[in-house]
Amino acid sequence: MSTVAKKIAFHTLGCKLNFSETSSLSRDSLKFGYENVSSKDFADIYVFNTCSVTENANKETRKLIRRSKRINPNAFITLIGCYAQLKPEELIDIKDVNLVLGTADKFDLLSHLDKIDTSGDIKSSIGGNINDIKIFNPSFSNDDRTRSFLKVQDGCDYSCTFCTIPLARGRSRSSSINKTINIAKDISRTNTKEIVLTGINIGDFGKGTNESFYDLIKQMDSQIDIERFRISSIEPNLLNDKIIEFCFQSKKFMPHFHIPLQSGSNKMLKSMKRRYTSQEYSDRLNKIKSLDQDACIGVDVIVGYPTESEQDFFETYNFLKNHDVSYLHVFTYSERENTKAIKLEPVIPYEERARRSKILRELSDQKRVNFYERSVGQIRPVLIEKSKNGILFGYTDNYIKTRIQGHISLENTIQNVFISEAKLGYVESEVVSIN
């Protein structure tokens, strides 16, 4: 156990999975005698959970290191996460970095720190072969008191040509339903009102066992005393009719799906080694909308993938324009080492990638506005999350950001609201009755 009460700061880059892991490590640090502080404040130790999806994520890591050393020139800098797994040598060579932990060792972070003189000029990189990782380490966030991100799956067995995640996180793995249920029960005993089930390839839960993601959500629905569940991003080929139908039968699972598309061109999907066609993706959308026209559907899409012609791009654009989706997460293609896509030609110029990205972001804005405008006049339940300058904000069951006139005492409650007006990025509403 640490004998000196040192200040430790955690910061997360990237996905909600990283966020859940960081949160779990932050809670565990208290058991080791540390005091948790913000990464913007003075700390003895800074821990950055890194991301490697894009080059920008890599640059952000380096910015955080520089900021930390300006705050405390003697700070001990530790890097964990995907970037740390993929490029440990590159990171440990950075002048101000002291400790780099790979994917398997990041969960032993505090034990490693406990054995090190963090006041000294230490440099150490600890990691192993990603293919040797078999253990699933559960985690969940509790930094946001209204919702918790519960990690139920890790790793990926897919081989998408643009993605480094299998190299950074290893093979698909998960815990048992019973163990996952027990963690969810612990979360439900807090003030949390919503649990978001998250993972790298969440639909792969239970792979290699007699359990499945469908089995998991059924058990969650019946055994966990909580107001709401959401499913994070799920692959279209794994989002089957049983899962979709169950979510609409359930009172706890929200009518909100986030389904990565990446491209509306079958040629591009084949090149990316995605496991579905645009027609199959369209079938998933139609199935959802046949059950609930007001269901929210978010879409991931990549622009500027190598070999993507203008025709391919507009095939994607028209596919999205002609389908009833609610918003887009637009990713500008970023070259990643050790991926198959990096060898493909022709390479799309950066300025062209930016142009295409802008077009799709504008389409996303249009889709969101249309989706929000359709909600005007509806009464929907909202989980009220926070207040700013006396104004409450929250999200409806179908994931519409809502501004509410009301008292701060309504924070972290679910209220029925009447949606009166759609604005850019949110809707105006008023509470119908206090639950």
Protein backbone atom coordinates (compact mmCIF):
# COMPACT_ATOMS: atom_id res chain seq x y z
CA MET A 1 0.00 0.00 0.00
CA SER A 2 1.19 3.48 -0.72
CA THR A 3 2.33 5.19 2.49
CA VAL A 4 2.21 8.70 1.05
CA ALA A 5 -1.07 10.30 0.05
CA LYS A 6 -0.19 11.36 -3.46
CA LYS A 7 -2.46 13.13 -5.88
CA ILE A 8 -3.33 11.14 -9.00
CA ALA A 9 -5.16 12.42 -12.08
CA PHE A 10 -6.81 10.29 -14.76
CA HIS A 11 -7.82 11.41 -18.23
CA THR A 12 -9.59 9.42 -20.94
CA LEU A 13 -9.15 9.69 -24.68
CA GLY A 14 -11.37 7.88 -27.15
CA CYS A 15 -14.36 5.65 -26.62
CA LYS A 16 -16.75 5.02 -23.75
CA LEU A 17 -15.04 1.69 -23.19
CA ASN A 18 -11.89 3.58 -22.27
CA PHE A 19 -14.03 5.83 -20.09
CA SER A 20 -15.43 2.88 -18.13
CA GLU A 21 -11.94 1.42 -17.63
CA THR A 22 -10.50 4.73 -16.46
CA SER A 23 -13.36 5.18 -14.02
CA SER A 24 -12.76 1.74 -12.51
CA LEU A 25 -9.04 2.43 -12.13
CA SER A 26 -9.78 5.80 -10.56
CA ARG A 27 -12.03 4.18 -7.94
CA ASP A 28 -9.40 1.53 -7.24
CA SER A 29 -6.74 4.19 -6.69
CA LEU A 30 -8.53 5.28 -3.51
CA LYS A 31 -7.82 1.84 -2.04
CA PHE A 32 -4.12 2.51 -2.63
CA GLY A 33 -4.22 5.73 -0.66
CA TYR A 34 -4.27 8.16 -3.57
CA GLU A 35 -6.24 11.36 -3.78
CA ASN A 36 -8.09 11.78 -7.09
CA VAL A 37 -7.82 15.19 -8.76
CA SER A 38 -8.65 16.65 -12.16
CA SER A 39 -6.08 16.25 -14.93
CA LYS A 40 -6.18 20.05 -15.25
CA ASP A 41 -4.94 20.41 -11.66
CA PHE A 42 -1.65 19.75 -9.90
CA ALA A 43 -1.01 16.03 -9.48
CA ASP A 44 1.93 13.84 -8.55
CA ILE A 45 0.92 11.21 -11.09
CA TYR A 46 -0.96 11.69 -14.37
CA VAL A 47 -2.50 8.64 -16.06
CA PHE A 48 -3.71 8.97 -19.65
CA ASN A 49 -5.85 6.22 -21.14
CA THR A 50 -4.96 6.61 -24.80
CA CYS A 51 -6.71 6.03 -28.10
CA SER A 52 -5.24 5.14 -31.49
CA VAL A 53 -8.22 5.31 -33.83
CA THR A 54 -7.01 8.49 -35.51
CA GLU A 55 -3.82 10.52 -35.77
CA ASN A 56 -5.60 13.32 -33.90
CA ALA A 57 -5.99 11.03 -30.89
CA ASN A 58 -2.23 10.45 -30.92
CA LYS A 59 -1.57 14.19 -31.08
CA GLU A 60 -3.96 14.81 -28.20
CA THR A 61 -1.98 12.41 -26.01
CA ARG A 62 1.18 14.40 -26.60
CA LYS A 63 -0.63 17.67 -25.85
CA LEU A 64 -1.82 16.28 -22.51
CA ILE A 65 1.71 15.22 -21.59
CA ARG A 66 3.03 18.73 -22.26
CA ARG A 67 0.17 20.33 -20.30
CA SER A 68 0.79 18.08 -17.31
CA LYS A 69 4.49 18.91 -17.18
CA ARG A 70 3.67 22.61 -17.27
CA ILE A 71 1.41 22.14 -14.26
CA ASN A 72 3.92 19.98 -12.40
CA PRO A 73 7.41 19.69 -13.90
CA ASN A 74 8.14 16.78 -11.55
CA ALA A 75 4.98 14.82 -12.40
CA PHE A 76 5.14 11.09 -13.09
CA ILE A 77 3.50 10.43 -16.46
CA THR A 78 1.87 7.06 -17.18
CA LEU A 79 0.28 6.02 -20.48
CA ILE A 80 -2.13 3.11 -20.87
CA GLY A 81 -4.67 2.11 -23.52
CA CYS A 82 -4.60 1.37 -27.24
CA TYR A 83 -1.81 3.76 -28.26
CA ALA A 84 0.31 2.38 -25.45
CA GLN A 85 -0.22 -1.18 -26.69
CA LEU A 86 0.48 -0.38 -30.34
CA LYS A 87 3.51 1.88 -29.96
CA PRO A 88 5.13 1.41 -26.54
CA GLU A 89 8.64 2.15 -27.81
CA GLU A 90 7.55 5.39 -29.44
CA LEU A 91 5.80 6.56 -26.26
CA ILE A 92 8.48 5.60 -23.75
CA ASP A 93 10.98 7.53 -25.89
CA ILE A 94 9.04 10.72 -25.23
CA LYS A 95 11.18 12.72 -22.81
CA ASP A 96 8.53 13.25 -20.13
CA VAL A 97 6.90 9.79 -20.16
CA ASN A 98 7.83 7.50 -17.25
CA LEU A 99 5.66 4.40 -17.55
CA VAL A 100 3.85 2.74 -20.48
CA LEU A 101 1.52 -0.21 -19.84
CA GLY A 102 0.07 -2.44 -22.53
CA THR A 103 -3.46 -3.81 -22.71
CA ALA A 104 -2.98 -6.70 -20.30
CA ASP A 105 -0.97 -4.75 -17.72
CA LYS A 106 -3.10 -1.58 -17.55
CA PHE A 107 -5.47 -3.26 -15.11
CA ASP A 108 -2.51 -3.79 -12.78
CA LEU A 109 -1.61 -0.11 -13.01
CA LEU A 110 -1.89 0.59 -9.31
CA SER A 111 0.18 -2.43 -8.33
CA HIS A 112 2.89 -1.27 -10.72
CA LEU A 113 2.80 2.26 -9.32
CA ASP A 114 2.96 0.89 -5.79
CA LYS A 115 6.28 -0.81 -6.58
CA ILE A 116 7.88 2.20 -8.25
CA ASP A 117 9.52 5.27 -6.78
CA THR A 118 7.33 7.71 -8.69
CA SER A 119 9.41 10.61 -7.40
CA GLY A 120 12.41 9.31 -9.27
CA ASP A 121 13.46 9.51 -12.92
CA ILE A 122 11.95 6.18 -13.94
CA LYS A 123 11.39 4.92 -17.48
CA SER A 124 9.64 1.62 -17.96
CA SER A 125 7.52 -0.02 -20.65
CA ILE A 126 5.58 -3.15 -19.73
CA GLY A 127 3.56 -5.11 -22.24
CA GLY A 128 3.11 -8.43 -23.97
CA ASN A 129 1.77 -10.14 -27.06
CA ILE A 130 -1.80 -9.02 -27.64
CA ASN A 131 -2.76 -12.49 -28.86
CA ASP A 132 -1.92 -13.94 -25.45
CA ILE A 133 -4.66 -11.98 -23.69
CA LYS A 134 -7.53 -14.27 -22.71
CA ILE A 135 -8.84 -12.59 -19.56
CA PHE A 136 -11.82 -10.24 -19.57
CA ASN A 137 -11.55 -7.36 -17.11
CA PRO A 138 -14.95 -5.86 -16.31
CA SER A 139 -15.31 -2.16 -15.61
CA PHE A 140 -17.93 0.53 -15.31
CA SER A 141 -18.11 4.29 -14.94
CA ASN A 142 -19.78 6.20 -12.15
CA ASP A 143 -18.42 9.68 -12.84
CA ASP A 144 -21.71 10.75 -14.35
CA ARG A 145 -24.30 10.18 -11.66
CA THR A 146 -27.19 9.86 -14.11
CA ARG A 147 -25.75 7.04 -16.22
CA SER A 148 -23.08 4.38 -16.09
CA PHE A 149 -21.17 2.83 -18.97
CA LEU A 150 -20.87 -0.89 -18.27
CA LYS A 151 -18.24 -2.80 -20.23
CA VAL A 152 -19.64 -6.23 -21.11
CA GLN A 153 -17.26 -7.23 -23.92
CA ASP A 154 -13.72 -6.47 -25.12
CA GLY A 155 -11.61 -7.14 -28.19
CA CYS A 156 -12.61 -8.00 -31.73
CA ASP A 157 -12.23 -10.98 -34.06
CA TYR A 158 -13.04 -8.99 -37.18
CA SER A 159 -10.37 -7.91 -39.64
CA CYS A 160 -11.65 -4.60 -41.03
CA THR A 161 -8.88 -3.20 -43.18
CA PHE A 162 -8.82 0.29 -41.62
CA CYS A 163 -8.89 -0.69 -37.95
CA THR A 164 -6.17 -1.23 -35.35
CA ILE A 165 -8.49 -2.27 -32.53
CA PRO A 166 -7.79 -6.04 -32.78
CA LEU A 167 -4.08 -5.20 -32.59
CA ALA A 168 -4.64 -2.96 -29.57
CA ARG A 169 -7.25 -4.93 -27.62
CA GLY A 170 -6.89 -8.51 -28.76
CA ARG A 171 -9.45 -11.22 -29.44
CA SER A 172 -13.12 -10.96 -28.55
CA ARG A 173 -13.86 -11.95 -24.96
CA SER A 174 -16.48 -11.37 -22.31
CA SER A 175 -17.56 -12.49 -18.88
CA SER A 176 -20.51 -14.72 -18.03
CA ILE A 177 -24.04 -13.39 -17.80
CA ASN A 178 -24.15 -14.09 -14.07
CA LYS A 179 -20.99 -12.09 -13.35
CA THR A 180 -22.18 -9.24 -15.58
CA ILE A 181 -25.56 -9.23 -13.84
CA ASN A 182 -23.87 -8.96 -10.44
CA ILE A 183 -21.93 -5.87 -11.53
CA ALA A 184 -25.09 -4.32 -12.96
CA LYS A 185 -26.85 -4.96 -9.63
CA ASP A 186 -24.07 -3.06 -7.85
CA ILE A 187 -24.58 -0.13 -10.23
CA SER A 188 -28.35 -0.23 -9.68
CA ARG A 189 -27.83 0.29 -5.93
CA THR A 190 -26.34 3.74 -6.63
CA ASN A 191 -28.19 6.82 -7.83
CA THR A 192 -27.58 5.83 -11.45
CA LYS A 193 -30.74 5.88 -13.56
CA GLU A 194 -29.37 4.50 -16.84
CA ILE A 195 -26.85 1.81 -17.78
CA VAL A 196 -25.24 1.88 -21.23
CA LEU A 197 -23.97 -1.55 -22.30
CA THR A 198 -20.69 -1.06 -24.11
CA GLY A 199 -17.89 -3.04 -25.72
CA ILE A 200 -15.67 -3.17 -28.79
CA ASN A 201 -17.95 -5.61 -30.61
CA ILE A 202 -20.83 -5.89 -28.18
CA GLY A 203 -22.91 -8.23 -30.31
CA ASP A 204 -20.14 -10.82 -29.89
CA PHE A 205 -20.90 -11.17 -26.17
CA GLY A 206 -20.70 -14.82 -25.13
CA LYS A 207 -18.87 -15.94 -28.27
CA GLY A 208 -17.52 -19.45 -27.77
CA THR A 209 -20.04 -20.21 -25.01
CA ASN A 210 -23.72 -21.15 -24.93
CA GLU A 211 -24.61 -17.55 -23.99
CA SER A 212 -25.38 -14.64 -26.32
CA PHE A 213 -25.97 -10.91 -26.26
CA TYR A 214 -29.68 -11.58 -26.66
CA ASP A 215 -29.57 -13.77 -23.54
CA LEU A 216 -27.74 -11.01 -21.69
CA ILE A 217 -30.24 -8.24 -22.41
CA LYS A 218 -33.15 -10.49 -21.47
CA GLN A 219 -31.57 -11.20 -18.10
CA MET A 220 -30.67 -7.55 -17.60
CA ASP A 221 -34.25 -6.55 -18.30
CA SER A 222 -35.74 -8.97 -15.78
CA GLN A 223 -33.13 -8.89 -13.00
CA ILE A 224 -31.80 -5.33 -12.77
CA ASP A 225 -33.80 -2.72 -10.88
CA ILE A 226 -32.95 0.31 -12.98
CA GLU A 227 -34.97 2.77 -15.04
CA ARG A 228 -33.14 2.58 -18.35
CA PHE A 229 -30.76 0.58 -20.51
CA ARG A 230 -29.13 1.62 -23.76
CA ILE A 231 -27.12 -0.47 -26.18
CA SER A 232 -23.98 1.19 -27.48
CA SER A 233 -22.69 0.67 -31.02
CA ILE A 234 -23.58 -2.76 -32.42
CA GLU A 235 -22.58 -4.31 -35.75
CA PRO A 236 -25.48 -4.60 -38.23
CA ASN A 237 -24.75 -8.27 -38.93
CA LEU A 238 -25.10 -9.00 -35.20
CA LEU A 239 -28.20 -6.87 -34.63
CA ASN A 240 -30.74 -9.58 -35.36
CA ASP A 241 -34.54 -9.44 -35.32
CA LYS A 242 -34.72 -11.02 -31.85
CA ILE A 243 -32.63 -8.24 -30.31
CA ILE A 244 -34.55 -5.49 -32.10
CA GLU A 245 -37.96 -6.91 -31.23
CA PHE A 246 -37.01 -7.47 -27.60
CA CYS A 247 -35.86 -3.86 -27.19
CA PHE A 248 -39.26 -2.62 -28.30
CA GLN A 249 -41.08 -5.07 -26.06
CA SER A 250 -39.03 -3.98 -23.06
CA LYS A 251 -39.92 -0.96 -20.93
CA LYS A 252 -36.28 -0.56 -19.87
CA PHE A 253 -34.36 -0.75 -23.16
CA MET A 254 -34.56 2.57 -24.95
CA PRO A 255 -35.57 2.96 -28.64
CA HIS A 256 -32.09 4.04 -29.64
CA PHE A 257 -29.62 2.13 -31.82
CA HIS A 258 -26.14 3.11 -32.99
CA ILE A 259 -25.21 1.01 -36.00
CA PRO A 260 -21.91 1.48 -37.87
CA LEU A 261 -22.32 1.64 -41.64
CA GLN A 262 -18.87 2.99 -42.74
CA SER A 263 -19.95 3.10 -46.40
CA GLY A 264 -23.12 2.90 -48.46
CA SER A 265 -21.13 1.46 -51.37
CA ASN A 266 -20.96 -2.32 -51.54
CA LYS A 267 -17.67 -2.02 -53.37
CA MET A 268 -16.22 -0.08 -50.43
CA LEU A 269 -17.75 -2.40 -47.85
CA LYS A 270 -16.12 -5.37 -49.56
CA SER A 271 -12.77 -3.57 -49.67
CA MET A 272 -13.10 -2.71 -45.97
CA LYS A 273 -13.90 -6.39 -45.22
CA ARG A 274 -17.15 -5.45 -43.54
CA ARG A 275 -19.52 -8.37 -42.93
CA TYR A 276 -22.70 -7.05 -44.54
CA THR A 277 -23.98 -5.32 -47.64
CA SER A 278 -25.79 -1.99 -47.89
CA GLN A 279 -28.98 -3.96 -48.59
CA GLU A 280 -28.59 -5.93 -45.37
CA TYR A 281 -27.95 -2.70 -43.49
CA SER A 282 -31.07 -1.21 -45.02
CA ASP A 283 -33.04 -4.25 -43.81
CA ARG A 284 -31.94 -3.52 -40.23
CA LEU A 285 -33.10 0.09 -40.51
CA ASN A 286 -36.43 -0.92 -42.00
CA LYS A 287 -36.99 -3.48 -39.26
CA ILE A 288 -36.43 -0.86 -36.55
CA LYS A 289 -38.65 1.73 -38.22
CA SER A 290 -41.41 -0.83 -38.79
CA LEU A 291 -41.66 -1.19 -35.02
CA ASP A 292 -41.20 2.46 -34.05
CA GLN A 293 -41.01 5.38 -36.47
CA ASP A 294 -39.66 7.58 -33.67
CA ALA A 295 -36.73 5.29 -32.80
CA CYS A 296 -33.36 7.01 -32.89
CA ILE A 297 -30.72 5.57 -35.22
CA GLY A 298 -27.14 6.82 -35.16
CA VAL A 299 -24.68 5.87 -37.90
CA ASP A 300 -20.87 5.70 -38.13
CA VAL A 301 -19.45 6.48 -41.56
CA ILE A 302 -15.91 6.80 -42.93
CA VAL A 303 -15.03 9.23 -45.72
CA GLY A 304 -11.89 9.34 -47.79
CA TYR A 305 -11.08 5.64 -47.53
CA PRO A 306 -8.39 4.81 -50.14
CA THR A 307 -9.83 3.95 -53.57
CA GLU A 308 -13.13 5.72 -52.69
CA SER A 309 -14.18 7.42 -55.92
CA GLU A 310 -16.53 10.38 -56.18
CA GLN A 311 -19.21 7.91 -57.31
CA ASP A 312 -18.55 5.69 -54.28
CA PHE A 313 -18.81 8.68 -51.97
CA PHE A 314 -22.10 9.87 -53.41
CA GLU A 315 -23.44 6.33 -53.24
CA THR A 316 -22.87 6.61 -49.49
CA TYR A 317 -24.33 10.11 -49.40
CA ASN A 318 -27.48 9.08 -51.25
CA PHE A 319 -27.87 5.94 -49.16
CA LEU A 320 -27.87 8.00 -45.97
CA LYS A 321 -30.01 10.76 -47.45
CA ASN A 322 -32.68 8.27 -48.49
CA HIS A 323 -32.86 6.42 -45.16
CA ASP A 324 -34.55 7.61 -41.99
CA VAL A 325 -31.50 7.91 -39.74
CA SER A 326 -31.22 10.45 -36.91
CA TYR A 327 -27.58 11.53 -36.91
CA LEU A 328 -24.14 10.62 -38.24
CA HIS A 329 -20.74 10.20 -36.66
CA VAL A 330 -18.48 11.14 -39.53
CA PHE A 331 -14.88 9.88 -39.41
CA THR A 332 -12.32 11.21 -41.87
CA TYR A 333 -10.13 8.27 -42.87
CA SER A 334 -6.80 8.30 -41.06
CA GLU A 335 -3.89 6.05 -42.07
CA ARG A 336 -3.00 3.54 -39.37
CA GLU A 337 0.19 1.49 -39.38
CA ASN A 338 -0.09 -2.28 -39.72
CA THR A 339 -3.51 -2.12 -41.35
CA LYS A 340 -4.28 -3.49 -44.82
CA ALA A 341 -5.89 -0.24 -45.96
CA ILE A 342 -2.62 1.65 -45.71
CA LYS A 343 -1.33 -0.25 -48.76
CA LEU A 344 -4.31 0.57 -50.97
CA GLU A 345 -4.14 3.04 -53.84
CA PRO A 346 -5.17 5.55 -55.01
CA VAL A 347 -4.93 7.52 -51.77
CA ILE A 348 -7.53 10.25 -51.39
CA PRO A 349 -5.92 13.70 -50.89
CA TYR A 350 -6.46 15.25 -47.46
CA GLU A 351 -8.29 18.28 -48.87
CA GLU A 352 -10.72 15.95 -50.67
CA ARG A 353 -11.27 13.93 -47.50
CA ALA A 354 -12.08 17.20 -45.70
CA ARG A 355 -14.53 18.24 -48.43
CA ARG A 356 -16.40 14.95 -48.28
CA SER A 357 -16.42 15.01 -44.50
CA LYS A 358 -17.98 18.48 -44.54
CA ILE A 359 -20.73 17.33 -46.91
CA LEU A 360 -21.67 14.44 -44.64
CA ARG A 361 -21.54 16.57 -41.50
CA GLU A 362 -23.98 18.98 -43.11
CA LEU A 363 -26.21 16.02 -43.97
CA SER A 364 -25.97 14.88 -40.34
CA ASP A 365 -27.13 18.31 -39.17
CA GLN A 366 -30.10 18.11 -41.54
CA LYS A 367 -30.99 14.62 -40.33
CA ARG A 368 -30.83 15.65 -36.67
CA VAL A 369 -32.95 18.77 -37.26
CA ASN A 370 -35.58 16.72 -39.12
CA PHE A 371 -35.61 14.12 -36.36
CA TYR A 372 -35.98 16.76 -33.67
CA GLU A 373 -38.70 18.65 -35.55
CA ARG A 374 -40.80 15.48 -35.79
CA SER A 375 -40.83 15.29 -32.00
CA VAL A 376 -42.53 18.68 -31.55
CA GLY A 377 -45.93 18.21 -29.92
CA GLN A 378 -44.96 14.86 -28.36
CA ILE A 379 -44.84 13.99 -24.68
CA ARG A 380 -41.74 11.91 -23.92
CA PRO A 381 -39.87 10.77 -20.79
CA VAL A 382 -36.59 12.61 -20.18
CA LEU A 383 -33.74 11.69 -17.86
CA ILE A 384 -32.81 15.12 -16.53
CA GLU A 385 -29.05 15.21 -16.16
CA LYS A 386 -27.74 18.62 -15.23
CA SER A 387 -28.51 22.29 -14.97
CA LYS A 388 -26.61 25.20 -16.47
CA ASN A 389 -27.48 28.74 -15.49
CA GLY A 390 -30.77 27.52 -14.08
CA ILE A 391 -31.69 25.56 -17.22
CA LEU A 392 -32.07 21.77 -17.06
CA PHE A 393 -30.86 19.44 -19.81
CA GLY A 394 -31.46 15.77 -20.47
CA TYR A 395 -32.25 13.14 -23.08
CA THR A 396 -35.54 11.60 -24.09
CA ASP A 397 -35.96 7.85 -24.34
CA ASN A 398 -35.18 8.16 -28.06
CA TYR A 399 -32.08 10.25 -27.41
CA ILE A 400 -33.27 13.77 -28.19
CA LYS A 401 -31.33 16.41 -26.28
CA THR A 402 -33.88 18.42 -24.35
CA ARG A 403 -33.80 21.76 -22.58
CA ILE A 404 -36.30 22.02 -19.75
CA GLN A 405 -37.55 24.84 -17.65
CA GLY A 406 -37.59 23.53 -14.10
CA HIS A 407 -36.10 23.46 -10.62
CA ILE A 408 -32.65 22.00 -9.92
CA SER A 409 -34.35 19.44 -7.64
CA LEU A 410 -35.43 17.60 -10.81
CA GLU A 411 -31.83 16.65 -11.65
CA ASN A 412 -31.32 12.90 -11.98
CA THR A 413 -35.05 12.20 -12.26
CA ILE A 414 -37.12 10.97 -15.18
CA GLN A 415 -39.98 13.31 -16.07
CA ASN A 416 -42.56 13.40 -18.82
CA VAL A 417 -42.09 16.56 -20.86
CA PHE A 418 -44.03 18.25 -23.64
CA ILE A 419 -41.74 19.12 -26.55
CA SER A 420 -42.69 22.57 -27.80
CA GLU A 421 -39.97 23.68 -30.20
CA ALA A 422 -36.97 22.30 -32.09
CA LYS A 423 -33.75 24.30 -31.99
CA LEU A 424 -30.30 23.66 -33.43
CA GLY A 425 -28.90 20.83 -31.32
CA TYR A 426 -31.77 20.48 -28.84
CA VAL A 427 -35.50 20.85 -28.27
CA GLU A 428 -37.38 23.09 -25.86
CA SER A 429 -39.76 21.39 -23.46
CA GLU A 430 -41.68 21.75 -20.23
CA VAL A 431 -42.45 19.20 -17.54
CA VAL A 432 -46.00 17.89 -17.82
CA SER A 433 -46.18 16.53 -14.29
CA ILE A 434 -43.69 15.76 -11.53
CA ASN A 435 -43.13 12.02 -11.13
